[in-house]
Protein backbone atom coordinates (compact mmCIF):
# COMPACT_ATOMS: atom_id res chain seq x y z
CA UNK A 1 8.49 -44.92 38.84
CA UNK A 2 7.89 -41.74 38.95
CA UNK A 3 8.41 -39.20 36.03
CA UNK A 4 8.92 -35.99 36.49
CA UNK A 5 8.25 -33.61 33.18
CA UNK A 6 11.48 -31.89 31.32
CA UNK A 7 10.70 -30.19 28.50
CA UNK A 8 13.06 -29.48 25.18
CA UNK A 9 11.93 -27.36 22.31
CA UNK A 10 9.23 -29.25 20.92
CA UNK A 11 6.82 -29.56 24.38
CA UNK A 12 7.49 -31.28 27.94
CA UNK A 13 8.19 -34.71 27.85
CA UNK A 14 7.66 -37.34 30.87
CA UNK A 15 11.20 -38.98 31.87
CA UNK A 16 11.69 -41.84 34.64
CA UNK A 17 12.29 -40.02 37.88
CA UNK A 18 15.70 -41.61 38.32
CA UNK A 19 16.79 -41.02 35.46
CA UNK A 20 19.49 -38.54 35.00
CA UNK A 21 18.58 -38.03 31.30
CA UNK A 22 15.96 -35.80 30.16
CA UNK A 23 13.44 -34.92 27.47
CA UNK A 24 15.67 -35.31 23.93
CA UNK A 25 17.23 -38.58 25.42
CA UNK A 26 13.43 -39.62 26.37
CA UNK A 27 12.12 -38.62 23.42
CA UNK A 28 14.67 -40.72 21.25
CA UNK A 29 14.12 -43.82 23.44
CA UNK A 30 10.96 -43.66 22.12
CA UNK A 31 11.62 -42.23 18.53
CA UNK A 32 14.13 -45.26 17.90
CA UNK A 33 13.44 -48.54 19.37
CA UNK A 34 15.37 -50.39 16.54
CA UNK A 35 17.22 -53.41 17.34
CA UNK A 36 19.28 -53.61 20.65
CA UNK A 37 22.57 -52.35 19.48
CA UNK A 38 23.86 -49.59 21.61
CA UNK A 39 26.08 -46.62 21.45
CA UNK A 40 29.34 -48.33 22.30
CA UNK A 41 30.45 -47.16 26.02
CA UNK A 42 34.02 -46.20 24.19
CA UNK A 43 32.05 -43.07 22.13
CA UNK A 44 30.18 -42.07 25.00
CA UNK A 45 33.82 -41.71 27.06
CA UNK A 46 35.20 -40.05 24.35
CA UNK A 47 32.28 -37.25 24.09
CA UNK A 48 32.88 -37.14 27.68
CA UNK A 49 36.43 -36.20 27.32
CA UNK A 50 35.34 -33.50 24.66
CA UNK A 51 32.39 -32.32 27.03
CA UNK A 52 35.37 -31.85 29.90
CA UNK A 53 38.24 -30.44 27.70
CA UNK A 54 35.13 -27.71 26.55
CA UNK A 55 34.19 -26.66 29.69
CA UNK A 56 38.06 -25.87 30.75
CA UNK A 57 38.84 -24.34 28.09
CA UNK A 58 35.54 -21.99 27.99
CA UNK A 59 36.39 -21.61 31.55
CA UNK A 60 40.15 -20.20 30.46
CA UNK A 61 38.36 -17.92 27.94
CA UNK A 62 36.38 -16.22 30.58
CA UNK A 63 32.89 -17.65 28.56
CA UNK A 64 31.86 -19.65 31.11
CA UNK A 65 31.58 -19.16 35.21
CA UNK A 66 34.73 -21.03 37.15
CA UNK A 67 32.32 -23.02 39.27
CA UNK A 68 29.57 -24.68 36.42
CA UNK A 69 33.10 -26.06 35.00
CA UNK A 70 34.39 -27.52 37.78
CA UNK A 71 30.47 -29.60 37.85
CA UNK A 72 30.57 -30.02 34.04
CA UNK A 73 34.28 -31.22 34.66
CA UNK A 74 33.63 -33.29 37.84
CA UNK A 75 30.26 -35.11 36.40
CA UNK A 76 32.43 -35.99 32.77
CA UNK A 77 35.09 -37.89 35.15
CA UNK A 78 32.93 -39.82 36.54
CA UNK A 79 30.74 -40.75 33.39
CA UNK A 80 34.80 -42.05 32.32
CA UNK A 81 35.60 -43.82 34.81
CA UNK A 82 32.04 -46.09 33.78
CA UNK A 83 29.68 -44.97 37.09
CA UNK A 84 26.87 -43.73 35.13
CA UNK A 85 27.38 -45.95 31.81
CA UNK A 86 23.50 -46.94 32.33
CA UNK A 87 22.17 -43.47 31.74
CA UNK A 88 23.31 -43.87 28.26
CA UNK A 89 20.66 -46.13 26.74
CA UNK A 90 20.50 -44.70 22.80
CA UNK A 91 20.86 -46.77 20.09
CA UNK A 92 23.36 -47.20 16.91
CA UNK A 93 19.88 -46.54 15.22
CA UNK A 94 19.46 -43.21 15.47
CA UNK A 95 20.37 -39.80 13.60
CA UNK A 96 23.02 -40.30 11.52
CA UNK A 97 24.49 -36.66 13.06
CA UNK A 98 24.48 -38.35 16.86
CA UNK A 99 22.70 -35.67 17.91
CA UNK A 100 20.74 -37.31 20.17
CA UNK A 101 23.58 -39.35 21.88
CA UNK A 102 25.39 -35.61 22.15
CA UNK A 103 22.11 -34.82 23.83
CA UNK A 104 21.82 -37.15 25.86
CA UNK A 105 25.97 -36.39 27.33
CA UNK A 106 24.99 -32.55 27.48
CA UNK A 107 21.74 -33.73 29.53
CA UNK A 108 22.96 -36.26 31.54
CA UNK A 109 26.37 -34.15 32.59
CA UNK A 110 24.30 -31.10 33.58
CA UNK A 111 21.77 -32.90 35.83
CA UNK A 112 25.11 -34.40 37.59
CA UNK A 113 26.06 -30.69 37.81
CA UNK A 114 23.33 -29.34 39.03
CA UNK A 115 22.72 -31.99 41.81
CA UNK A 116 26.37 -31.35 42.89
CA UNK A 117 25.39 -27.51 43.13
CA UNK A 118 22.56 -27.87 45.10
CA UNK A 119 20.27 -28.31 42.24
CA UNK A 120 17.24 -30.58 40.97
CA UNK A 121 17.18 -32.87 38.20
CA UNK A 122 15.46 -31.80 35.15
CA UNK A 123 15.54 -27.90 36.22
CA UNK A 124 18.62 -27.05 33.71
CA UNK A 125 19.65 -24.65 35.97
CA UNK A 126 22.47 -23.15 36.80
CA UNK A 127 24.01 -25.81 34.25
CA UNK A 128 22.17 -25.97 31.06
CA UNK A 129 22.62 -28.65 29.11
CA UNK A 130 23.16 -26.61 25.51
CA UNK A 131 24.52 -23.19 26.48
CA UNK A 132 26.86 -24.43 28.73
CA UNK A 133 27.63 -28.28 28.39
CA UNK A 134 27.82 -27.35 24.71
CA UNK A 135 29.77 -24.08 24.55
CA UNK A 136 31.40 -23.79 21.44
CA UNK A 137 30.02 -26.93 20.25
CA UNK A 138 27.49 -28.80 17.01
CA UNK A 139 26.43 -32.28 17.93
CA UNK A 140 28.06 -32.74 14.39
CA UNK A 141 31.34 -31.84 15.82
CA UNK A 142 31.56 -33.16 18.98
CA UNK A 143 30.79 -36.52 17.79
CA UNK A 144 32.77 -36.71 15.18
CA UNK A 145 35.54 -35.65 17.76
CA UNK A 146 34.68 -38.39 19.81
CA UNK A 147 34.49 -40.93 16.94
CA UNK A 148 37.94 -40.06 16.41
CA UNK A 149 39.16 -40.38 19.80
CA UNK A 150 37.35 -43.34 20.24
CA UNK A 151 39.05 -44.86 17.13
CA UNK A 152 42.11 -44.20 17.98
CA UNK A 153 42.33 -45.04 21.57
CA UNK A 154 40.72 -48.49 20.74
CA UNK A 155 43.46 -49.14 18.17
CA UNK A 156 46.33 -47.90 20.35
CA UNK A 157 45.31 -49.64 23.66
CA UNK A 158 43.46 -52.65 22.24
CA UNK A 159 44.19 -53.87 19.37
CA UNK A 160 47.62 -53.03 18.22
CA UNK A 161 49.54 -54.93 21.72
CA UNK A 162 47.81 -57.62 21.06
CA UNK A 163 48.97 -57.92 16.84
CA UNK A 164 52.28 -56.87 18.14
CA UNK A 165 52.29 -59.97 20.65
CA UNK A 166 51.13 -62.11 17.91
CA UNK A 167 53.90 -60.64 15.19
CA UNK A 168 56.16 -61.64 18.14
CA UNK A 169 55.34 -65.51 18.78
CA UNK A 170 55.10 -65.79 15.25
CA UNK A 171 58.33 -65.06 14.68
CA UNK A 172 59.48 -67.25 17.88
CA UNK A 173 58.53 -69.78 15.85
CA UNK A 174 59.94 -69.12 12.71
CA UNK A 175 63.21 -69.33 14.27
CA UNK A 176 62.39 -72.45 16.44
CA UNK A 177 61.04 -74.00 13.80
CA UNK A 178 63.53 -73.23 11.20
CA UNK A 179 65.80 -76.80 10.90
CA UNK A 180 62.34 -78.44 10.23
CA UNK A 181 62.20 -79.70 6.60
CA UNK A 182 58.66 -80.30 5.20
CA UNK A 183 57.16 -80.21 1.77
CA UNK A 184 55.49 -77.45 0.79
CA UNK A 185 52.07 -77.07 -0.95
CA UNK A 186 50.99 -74.81 -3.93
CA UNK A 187 47.50 -75.22 -4.86
CA UNK A 188 46.88 -77.78 -2.14
CA UNK A 189 49.04 -79.78 -4.18
CA UNK A 190 52.61 -81.21 -3.43
CA UNK A 191 54.88 -78.94 -3.95
CA UNK A 192 58.72 -78.46 -2.96
CA UNK A 193 60.05 -78.46 0.16
CA UNK A 194 60.48 -75.80 2.88
CA UNK A 195 61.13 -75.58 7.03
CA UNK A 196 58.33 -75.23 8.93
CA UNK A 197 60.12 -71.71 10.37
CA UNK A 198 59.78 -70.18 6.36
CA UNK A 199 56.23 -70.81 6.75
CA UNK A 200 55.82 -69.34 10.06
CA UNK A 201 57.99 -66.30 9.02
CA UNK A 202 55.76 -65.95 6.33
CA UNK A 203 52.48 -65.82 9.04
CA UNK A 204 55.06 -63.39 10.91
CA UNK A 205 55.64 -61.59 7.94
CA UNK A 206 51.50 -60.84 7.28
CA UNK A 207 50.87 -59.80 10.04
CA UNK A 208 53.79 -56.95 11.05
CA UNK A 209 52.52 -56.06 7.50
CA UNK A 210 48.87 -55.48 8.97
CA UNK A 211 50.27 -53.31 11.31
CA UNK A 212 52.39 -50.98 9.83
CA UNK A 213 49.12 -50.70 7.71
CA UNK A 214 47.25 -49.55 10.58
CA UNK A 215 49.83 -47.52 12.15
CA UNK A 216 49.81 -45.62 8.26
CA UNK A 217 46.30 -44.95 8.54
CA UNK A 218 46.24 -43.09 12.47
CA UNK A 219 47.57 -39.90 11.07
CA UNK A 220 43.90 -38.94 9.23
CA UNK A 221 42.09 -40.77 12.50
CA UNK A 222 43.52 -38.46 14.70
CA UNK A 223 42.35 -35.20 12.67
CA UNK A 224 39.86 -34.07 14.98
CA UNK A 225 36.43 -32.48 13.83
CA UNK A 226 36.26 -29.84 16.99
CA UNK A 227 36.24 -26.08 15.96
CA UNK A 228 34.06 -26.95 12.79
CA UNK A 229 30.60 -26.49 14.43
CA UNK A 230 27.43 -26.64 12.17
CA UNK A 231 29.18 -27.20 8.63
CA UNK A 232 32.50 -26.47 8.96
CA UNK A 233 32.98 -22.74 9.68
CA UNK A 234 33.06 -22.93 13.20
CA UNK A 235 30.18 -20.24 14.01
CA UNK A 236 29.80 -19.92 17.76
CA UNK A 237 32.84 -21.22 18.91
CA UNK A 238 35.99 -19.02 19.61
CA UNK A 239 38.98 -18.15 16.21
CA UNK A 240 41.44 -20.91 16.79
CA UNK A 241 38.70 -23.59 18.74
CA UNK A 242 39.89 -26.36 17.27
CA UNK A 243 43.62 -26.46 17.91
CA UNK A 244 43.16 -24.84 21.67
CA UNK A 245 40.90 -28.14 22.06
CA UNK A 246 43.53 -31.24 20.15
CA UNK A 247 46.40 -29.67 22.34
CA UNK A 248 43.79 -30.43 25.54
CA UNK A 249 42.07 -33.36 24.35
CA UNK A 250 45.81 -34.75 23.48
CA UNK A 251 46.87 -34.21 27.16
CA UNK A 252 43.35 -35.33 28.65
CA UNK A 253 43.93 -38.99 26.47
CA UNK A 254 47.29 -39.43 26.73
CA UNK A 255 47.15 -39.98 22.67
CA UNK A 256 47.91 -37.27 20.35
CA UNK A 257 45.57 -35.53 18.22
CA UNK A 258 45.46 -32.45 15.30
CA UNK A 259 42.92 -30.33 14.63
CA UNK A 260 41.15 -31.30 11.14
CA UNK A 261 43.59 -29.93 8.08
CA UNK A 262 39.63 -28.91 6.71
CA UNK A 263 36.86 -28.46 8.72
CA UNK A 264 34.15 -28.63 6.12
CA UNK A 265 35.95 -31.97 4.77
CA UNK A 266 35.92 -33.52 8.76
CA UNK A 267 32.04 -33.35 8.91
CA UNK A 268 31.02 -33.73 5.21
CA UNK A 269 32.58 -36.84 5.15
CA UNK A 270 34.64 -40.05 6.84
CA UNK A 271 37.28 -40.81 4.56
CA UNK A 272 39.62 -41.90 6.96
CA UNK A 273 37.56 -44.00 8.78
CA UNK A 274 36.96 -45.88 5.31
CA UNK A 275 40.65 -45.91 4.75
CA UNK A 276 41.31 -47.05 8.54
CA UNK A 277 38.58 -49.55 8.35
CA UNK A 278 40.80 -50.88 4.98
CA UNK A 279 43.70 -51.82 6.84
CA UNK A 280 41.96 -53.88 9.52
CA UNK A 281 39.81 -55.69 6.52
CA UNK A 282 43.16 -56.95 5.30
CA UNK A 283 44.31 -57.86 8.60
CA UNK A 284 41.11 -59.75 8.50
CA UNK A 285 41.99 -61.63 5.33
CA UNK A 286 45.62 -62.47 6.35
CA UNK A 287 44.42 -63.90 9.52
CA UNK A 288 41.66 -65.32 7.53
CA UNK A 289 44.36 -67.13 5.88
CA UNK A 290 47.09 -67.81 8.88
CA UNK A 291 43.92 -69.58 10.74
CA UNK A 292 43.04 -71.71 7.72
CA UNK A 293 47.07 -72.88 6.88
CA UNK A 294 47.08 -73.73 10.87
CA UNK A 295 43.12 -75.48 10.78
CA UNK A 296 44.68 -77.37 7.71
CA UNK A 297 48.14 -78.44 9.17
CA UNK A 298 46.57 -79.27 12.51
CA UNK A 299 43.86 -81.43 10.32
CA UNK A 300 42.86 -85.12 11.23
CA UNK A 301 45.35 -85.96 14.04
CA UNK A 302 45.11 -89.17 12.20
CA UNK A 303 43.51 -88.72 8.98
CA UNK A 304 44.24 -85.53 7.97
CA UNK A 305 47.64 -83.83 7.77
CA UNK A 306 48.85 -83.73 11.41
CA UNK A 307 51.88 -81.79 10.71
CA UNK A 308 50.99 -79.29 13.74
CA UNK A 309 49.19 -80.93 16.85
CA UNK A 310 47.19 -77.87 18.26
CA UNK A 311 46.39 -77.02 21.53
CA UNK A 312 43.08 -79.29 23.19
CA UNK A 313 40.89 -76.16 24.95
CA UNK A 314 38.06 -78.67 25.30
CA UNK A 315 35.96 -81.06 24.33
CA UNK A 316 35.05 -81.22 20.65
CA UNK A 317 31.85 -83.23 20.46
CA UNK A 318 28.77 -84.73 22.40
CA UNK A 319 28.35 -87.06 20.79
CA UNK A 320 32.22 -87.92 19.62
CA UNK A 321 34.58 -89.20 22.55
CA UNK A 322 37.79 -88.09 22.19
CA UNK A 323 37.38 -85.69 20.20
CA UNK A 324 39.32 -81.72 19.80
CA UNK A 325 38.32 -79.07 17.32
CA UNK A 326 40.87 -75.90 16.15
CA UNK A 327 37.82 -74.12 17.85
CA UNK A 328 40.44 -70.78 18.33
CA UNK A 329 40.29 -70.30 14.74
CA UNK A 330 36.54 -71.05 14.12
CA UNK A 331 36.26 -67.88 16.61
CA UNK A 332 39.46 -66.16 14.83
CA UNK A 333 37.76 -67.03 11.19
CA UNK A 334 34.10 -66.15 12.06
CA UNK A 335 35.71 -62.74 13.22
CA UNK A 336 37.53 -62.14 9.38
CA UNK A 337 33.99 -63.05 8.28
CA UNK A 338 32.56 -60.43 10.71
CA UNK A 339 35.30 -57.26 10.32
CA UNK A 340 34.99 -58.13 6.25
CA UNK A 341 31.27 -57.55 6.15
CA UNK A 342 31.94 -54.01 8.28
CA UNK A 343 34.19 -52.74 6.45
CA UNK A 344 31.46 -52.67 3.33
CA UNK A 345 29.12 -51.74 5.69
CA UNK A 346 31.56 -48.21 6.65
CA UNK A 347 32.23 -48.08 3.02
CA UNK A 348 29.30 -47.44 1.60
CA UNK A 349 28.03 -45.52 4.95
CA UNK A 350 31.29 -43.16 4.18
CA UNK A 351 30.09 -42.65 0.69
CA UNK A 352 26.76 -40.90 1.75
CA UNK A 353 28.04 -38.01 3.07
CA UNK A 354 25.41 -35.28 1.62
CA UNK A 355 26.42 -31.38 1.32
CA UNK A 356 28.13 -30.74 4.63
CA UNK A 357 27.57 -34.33 6.44
CA UNK A 358 27.79 -37.41 6.64
CA UNK A 359 24.91 -38.45 8.27
CA UNK A 360 25.93 -42.39 8.94
CA UNK A 361 28.36 -41.43 11.67
CA UNK A 362 26.78 -43.57 14.05
CA UNK A 363 26.63 -46.74 12.10
CA UNK A 364 30.54 -45.86 10.97
CA UNK A 365 31.50 -45.57 14.15
CA UNK A 366 30.04 -48.47 16.11
CA UNK A 367 30.90 -51.08 12.45
CA UNK A 368 34.65 -49.55 13.43
CA UNK A 369 35.00 -49.88 17.10
CA UNK A 370 33.43 -53.79 16.70
CA UNK A 371 36.15 -54.68 14.15
CA UNK A 372 38.61 -53.20 16.26
CA UNK A 373 37.57 -54.92 19.36
CA UNK A 374 36.69 -58.17 17.92
CA UNK A 375 40.24 -58.32 15.96
CA UNK A 376 41.84 -57.21 19.45
CA UNK A 377 40.02 -60.13 21.32
CA UNK A 378 40.32 -62.83 18.73
CA UNK A 379 43.64 -62.19 18.15
CA UNK A 380 44.49 -62.26 22.14
CA UNK A 381 42.68 -65.46 22.72
CA UNK A 382 44.16 -66.91 19.04
CA UNK A 383 47.98 -66.71 20.64
CA UNK A 384 47.32 -66.88 23.97
CA UNK A 385 45.17 -69.96 23.09
CA UNK A 386 46.18 -71.82 19.94
CA UNK A 387 49.80 -70.04 18.79
CA UNK A 388 51.31 -70.28 21.81
CA UNK A 389 50.78 -74.28 22.23
CA UNK A 390 51.76 -74.64 18.83
CA UNK A 391 53.95 -78.02 18.26
CA UNK A 392 55.41 -79.69 15.05
CA UNK A 393 54.65 -83.24 14.71
CA UNK A 394 58.46 -84.27 13.52
CA UNK A 395 57.77 -87.75 13.15
CA UNK A 396 54.30 -87.16 10.44
CA UNK A 397 56.50 -83.97 8.97
CA UNK A 398 59.03 -86.59 7.86
CA UNK A 399 56.76 -89.15 6.65
CA UNK A 400 55.38 -86.62 4.81
CA UNK A 401 58.80 -85.27 3.01
CA UNK A 402 59.56 -88.95 2.65
CA UNK A 403 56.58 -90.08 0.50
CA UNK A 404 56.54 -86.71 -1.91
CA UNK A 405 56.70 -87.21 -5.69
CA UNK A 406 57.85 -83.32 -5.65
CA UNK A 407 61.41 -83.93 -4.11
CA UNK A 408 61.89 -84.89 -8.18
CA UNK A 409 61.73 -81.04 -8.94
CA UNK A 410 65.78 -81.32 -7.60
CA UNK A 411 66.97 -84.00 -10.42
CA UNK A 412 65.13 -82.12 -13.32
CA UNK A 413 68.64 -80.04 -14.00
CA UNK A 414 70.40 -82.77 -14.23
CA UNK A 415 67.98 -85.22 -16.55
CA UNK A 416 65.49 -82.72 -17.72
CA UNK A 417 61.74 -81.92 -17.13
CA UNK A 418 60.34 -84.98 -18.91
CA UNK A 419 62.78 -87.73 -17.60
CA UNK A 420 62.00 -86.09 -13.58
CA UNK A 421 58.15 -86.24 -15.02
CA UNK A 422 58.30 -90.07 -15.24
CA UNK A 423 59.76 -90.91 -12.61
CA UNK A 424 57.22 -89.64 -10.83
CA UNK A 425 54.65 -90.98 -12.71
CA UNK A 426 55.90 -94.40 -12.60
CA UNK A 427 56.46 -93.95 -8.78
CA UNK A 428 53.05 -92.80 -8.15
CA UNK A 429 51.32 -95.33 -10.48
CA UNK A 430 53.88 -98.08 -9.19
CA UNK A 431 53.50 -97.24 -5.66
CA UNK A 432 57.17 -96.88 -5.28
CA UNK A 433 59.97 -94.76 -4.14
CA UNK A 434 61.36 -91.73 -6.47
CA UNK A 435 64.62 -93.54 -5.80
CA UNK A 436 63.67 -97.01 -6.83
CA UNK A 437 61.10 -95.47 -9.77
CA UNK A 438 64.42 -93.28 -10.94
CA UNK A 439 66.61 -96.61 -10.97
CA UNK A 440 64.22 -98.37 -12.84
CA UNK A 441 64.11 -96.58 -15.66
CA UNK A 442 67.98 -96.13 -15.64
CA UNK A 443 67.74 -92.17 -16.01
CA UNK A 444 70.07 -91.50 -13.08
CA UNK A 445 72.38 -94.08 -10.41
CA UNK A 446 71.12 -94.79 -6.99
CA UNK A 447 74.36 -92.69 -6.08
CA UNK A 448 73.76 -89.42 -7.79
CA UNK A 449 69.98 -89.12 -7.01
CA UNK A 450 71.44 -89.70 -3.27
CA UNK A 451 73.33 -86.87 -3.81
CA UNK A 452 71.02 -84.95 -5.42
CA UNK A 453 67.53 -85.33 -3.91
CA UNK A 454 68.62 -83.89 -0.94
CA UNK A 455 65.35 -82.09 0.62
CA UNK A 456 67.59 -80.12 3.51
CA UNK A 457 69.21 -79.10 0.41
CA UNK A 458 66.31 -77.65 -1.07
CA UNK A 459 64.91 -75.04 1.85
CA UNK A 460 66.91 -72.18 0.38
CA UNK A 461 67.57 -69.03 2.65
CA UNK A 462 65.99 -68.84 6.45
CA UNK A 463 63.32 -66.76 7.80
């Protein structure tokens, strides 16, 4: 492979000839050979949109030649389309401001634009990566702006639709299962009856609350740091640049963005990401609870609870023929663990802003986007391959209701707590029914027992 010589402020660097990146990208590849985690493509796409919007607005104010701006716009559009994904090889573990990724974009766009205009790779003419592609920007505000764009797009386009679909499906189960009486369980022990619909309705409510919490955090994520440049003062950017760019990026992405209320805050910390990650963390906890409930209710099928019949998606064992496992729930709960751990990482990284800049930006956005992507994908799979196919085993549910000792709770207001407890203990130790125990103890007649102990009358209101 032939190399060409490119230069930056530190001197010459050999860059592989076919590549569109330049000297600073190449230095980063050499200096940060850490792990295999690449900068998320969502960040690359968002940053390309920042470059596109900046070129258009710089041309509109007469600061950038229209011909150069058009070439930059065309290059940025090609990047957004995914055509040049391989030209963005940098890892997450780099400078904490994202400067190398910002320069990776600047260099690739400049080279694409120059070739389009008849120039050669690496010439930095007529389009210069810093002077033209990065005009009125710093890595500090451009990368932070890309973080916000990528996060909002991922939540609104990828995560929320899946969550809404899951909430709808669970609500449907809550309605269709609301006449199916079953035994409740508290402390993992038998409790008083409820309906299977009421149980599913609680799951639906958890997801609905999660949706509202995430939606409530979008406001701060929509605030863009663009216009703050290096430290928040806006040095090198025209007056009103933040508002101009927010309007342009709203039109370009189809998502609402606004200029940050305080540009110094927008660069120095990422509390908005900590808050939004907190909502993702809560959602992960809810999905963990829901998944475990479904897993336990579907356990067996003969030696467990067996109250729900889970879809059989694939063989569950290489050794035990006919075994089927709750694999979608296992995947979902593993995702929940990862999201919870990502929230710890985001919290720690967000706490590390020093003076005018938080230098944990790549870690924050990598972890946040991973959480969003995993939650969206796992929720979609859980809905499609588990929730949609759940069926109640009504025979097993009736058997469990009929055997439960906690139906004795209906007798307590009539015969008293102590007498009711004696009935339950007698039934359990003697292996007889509650009815047989109560009548043998003489605490209530058989007719009164039949009138009072009606599981369907004990479940209260619907979902």
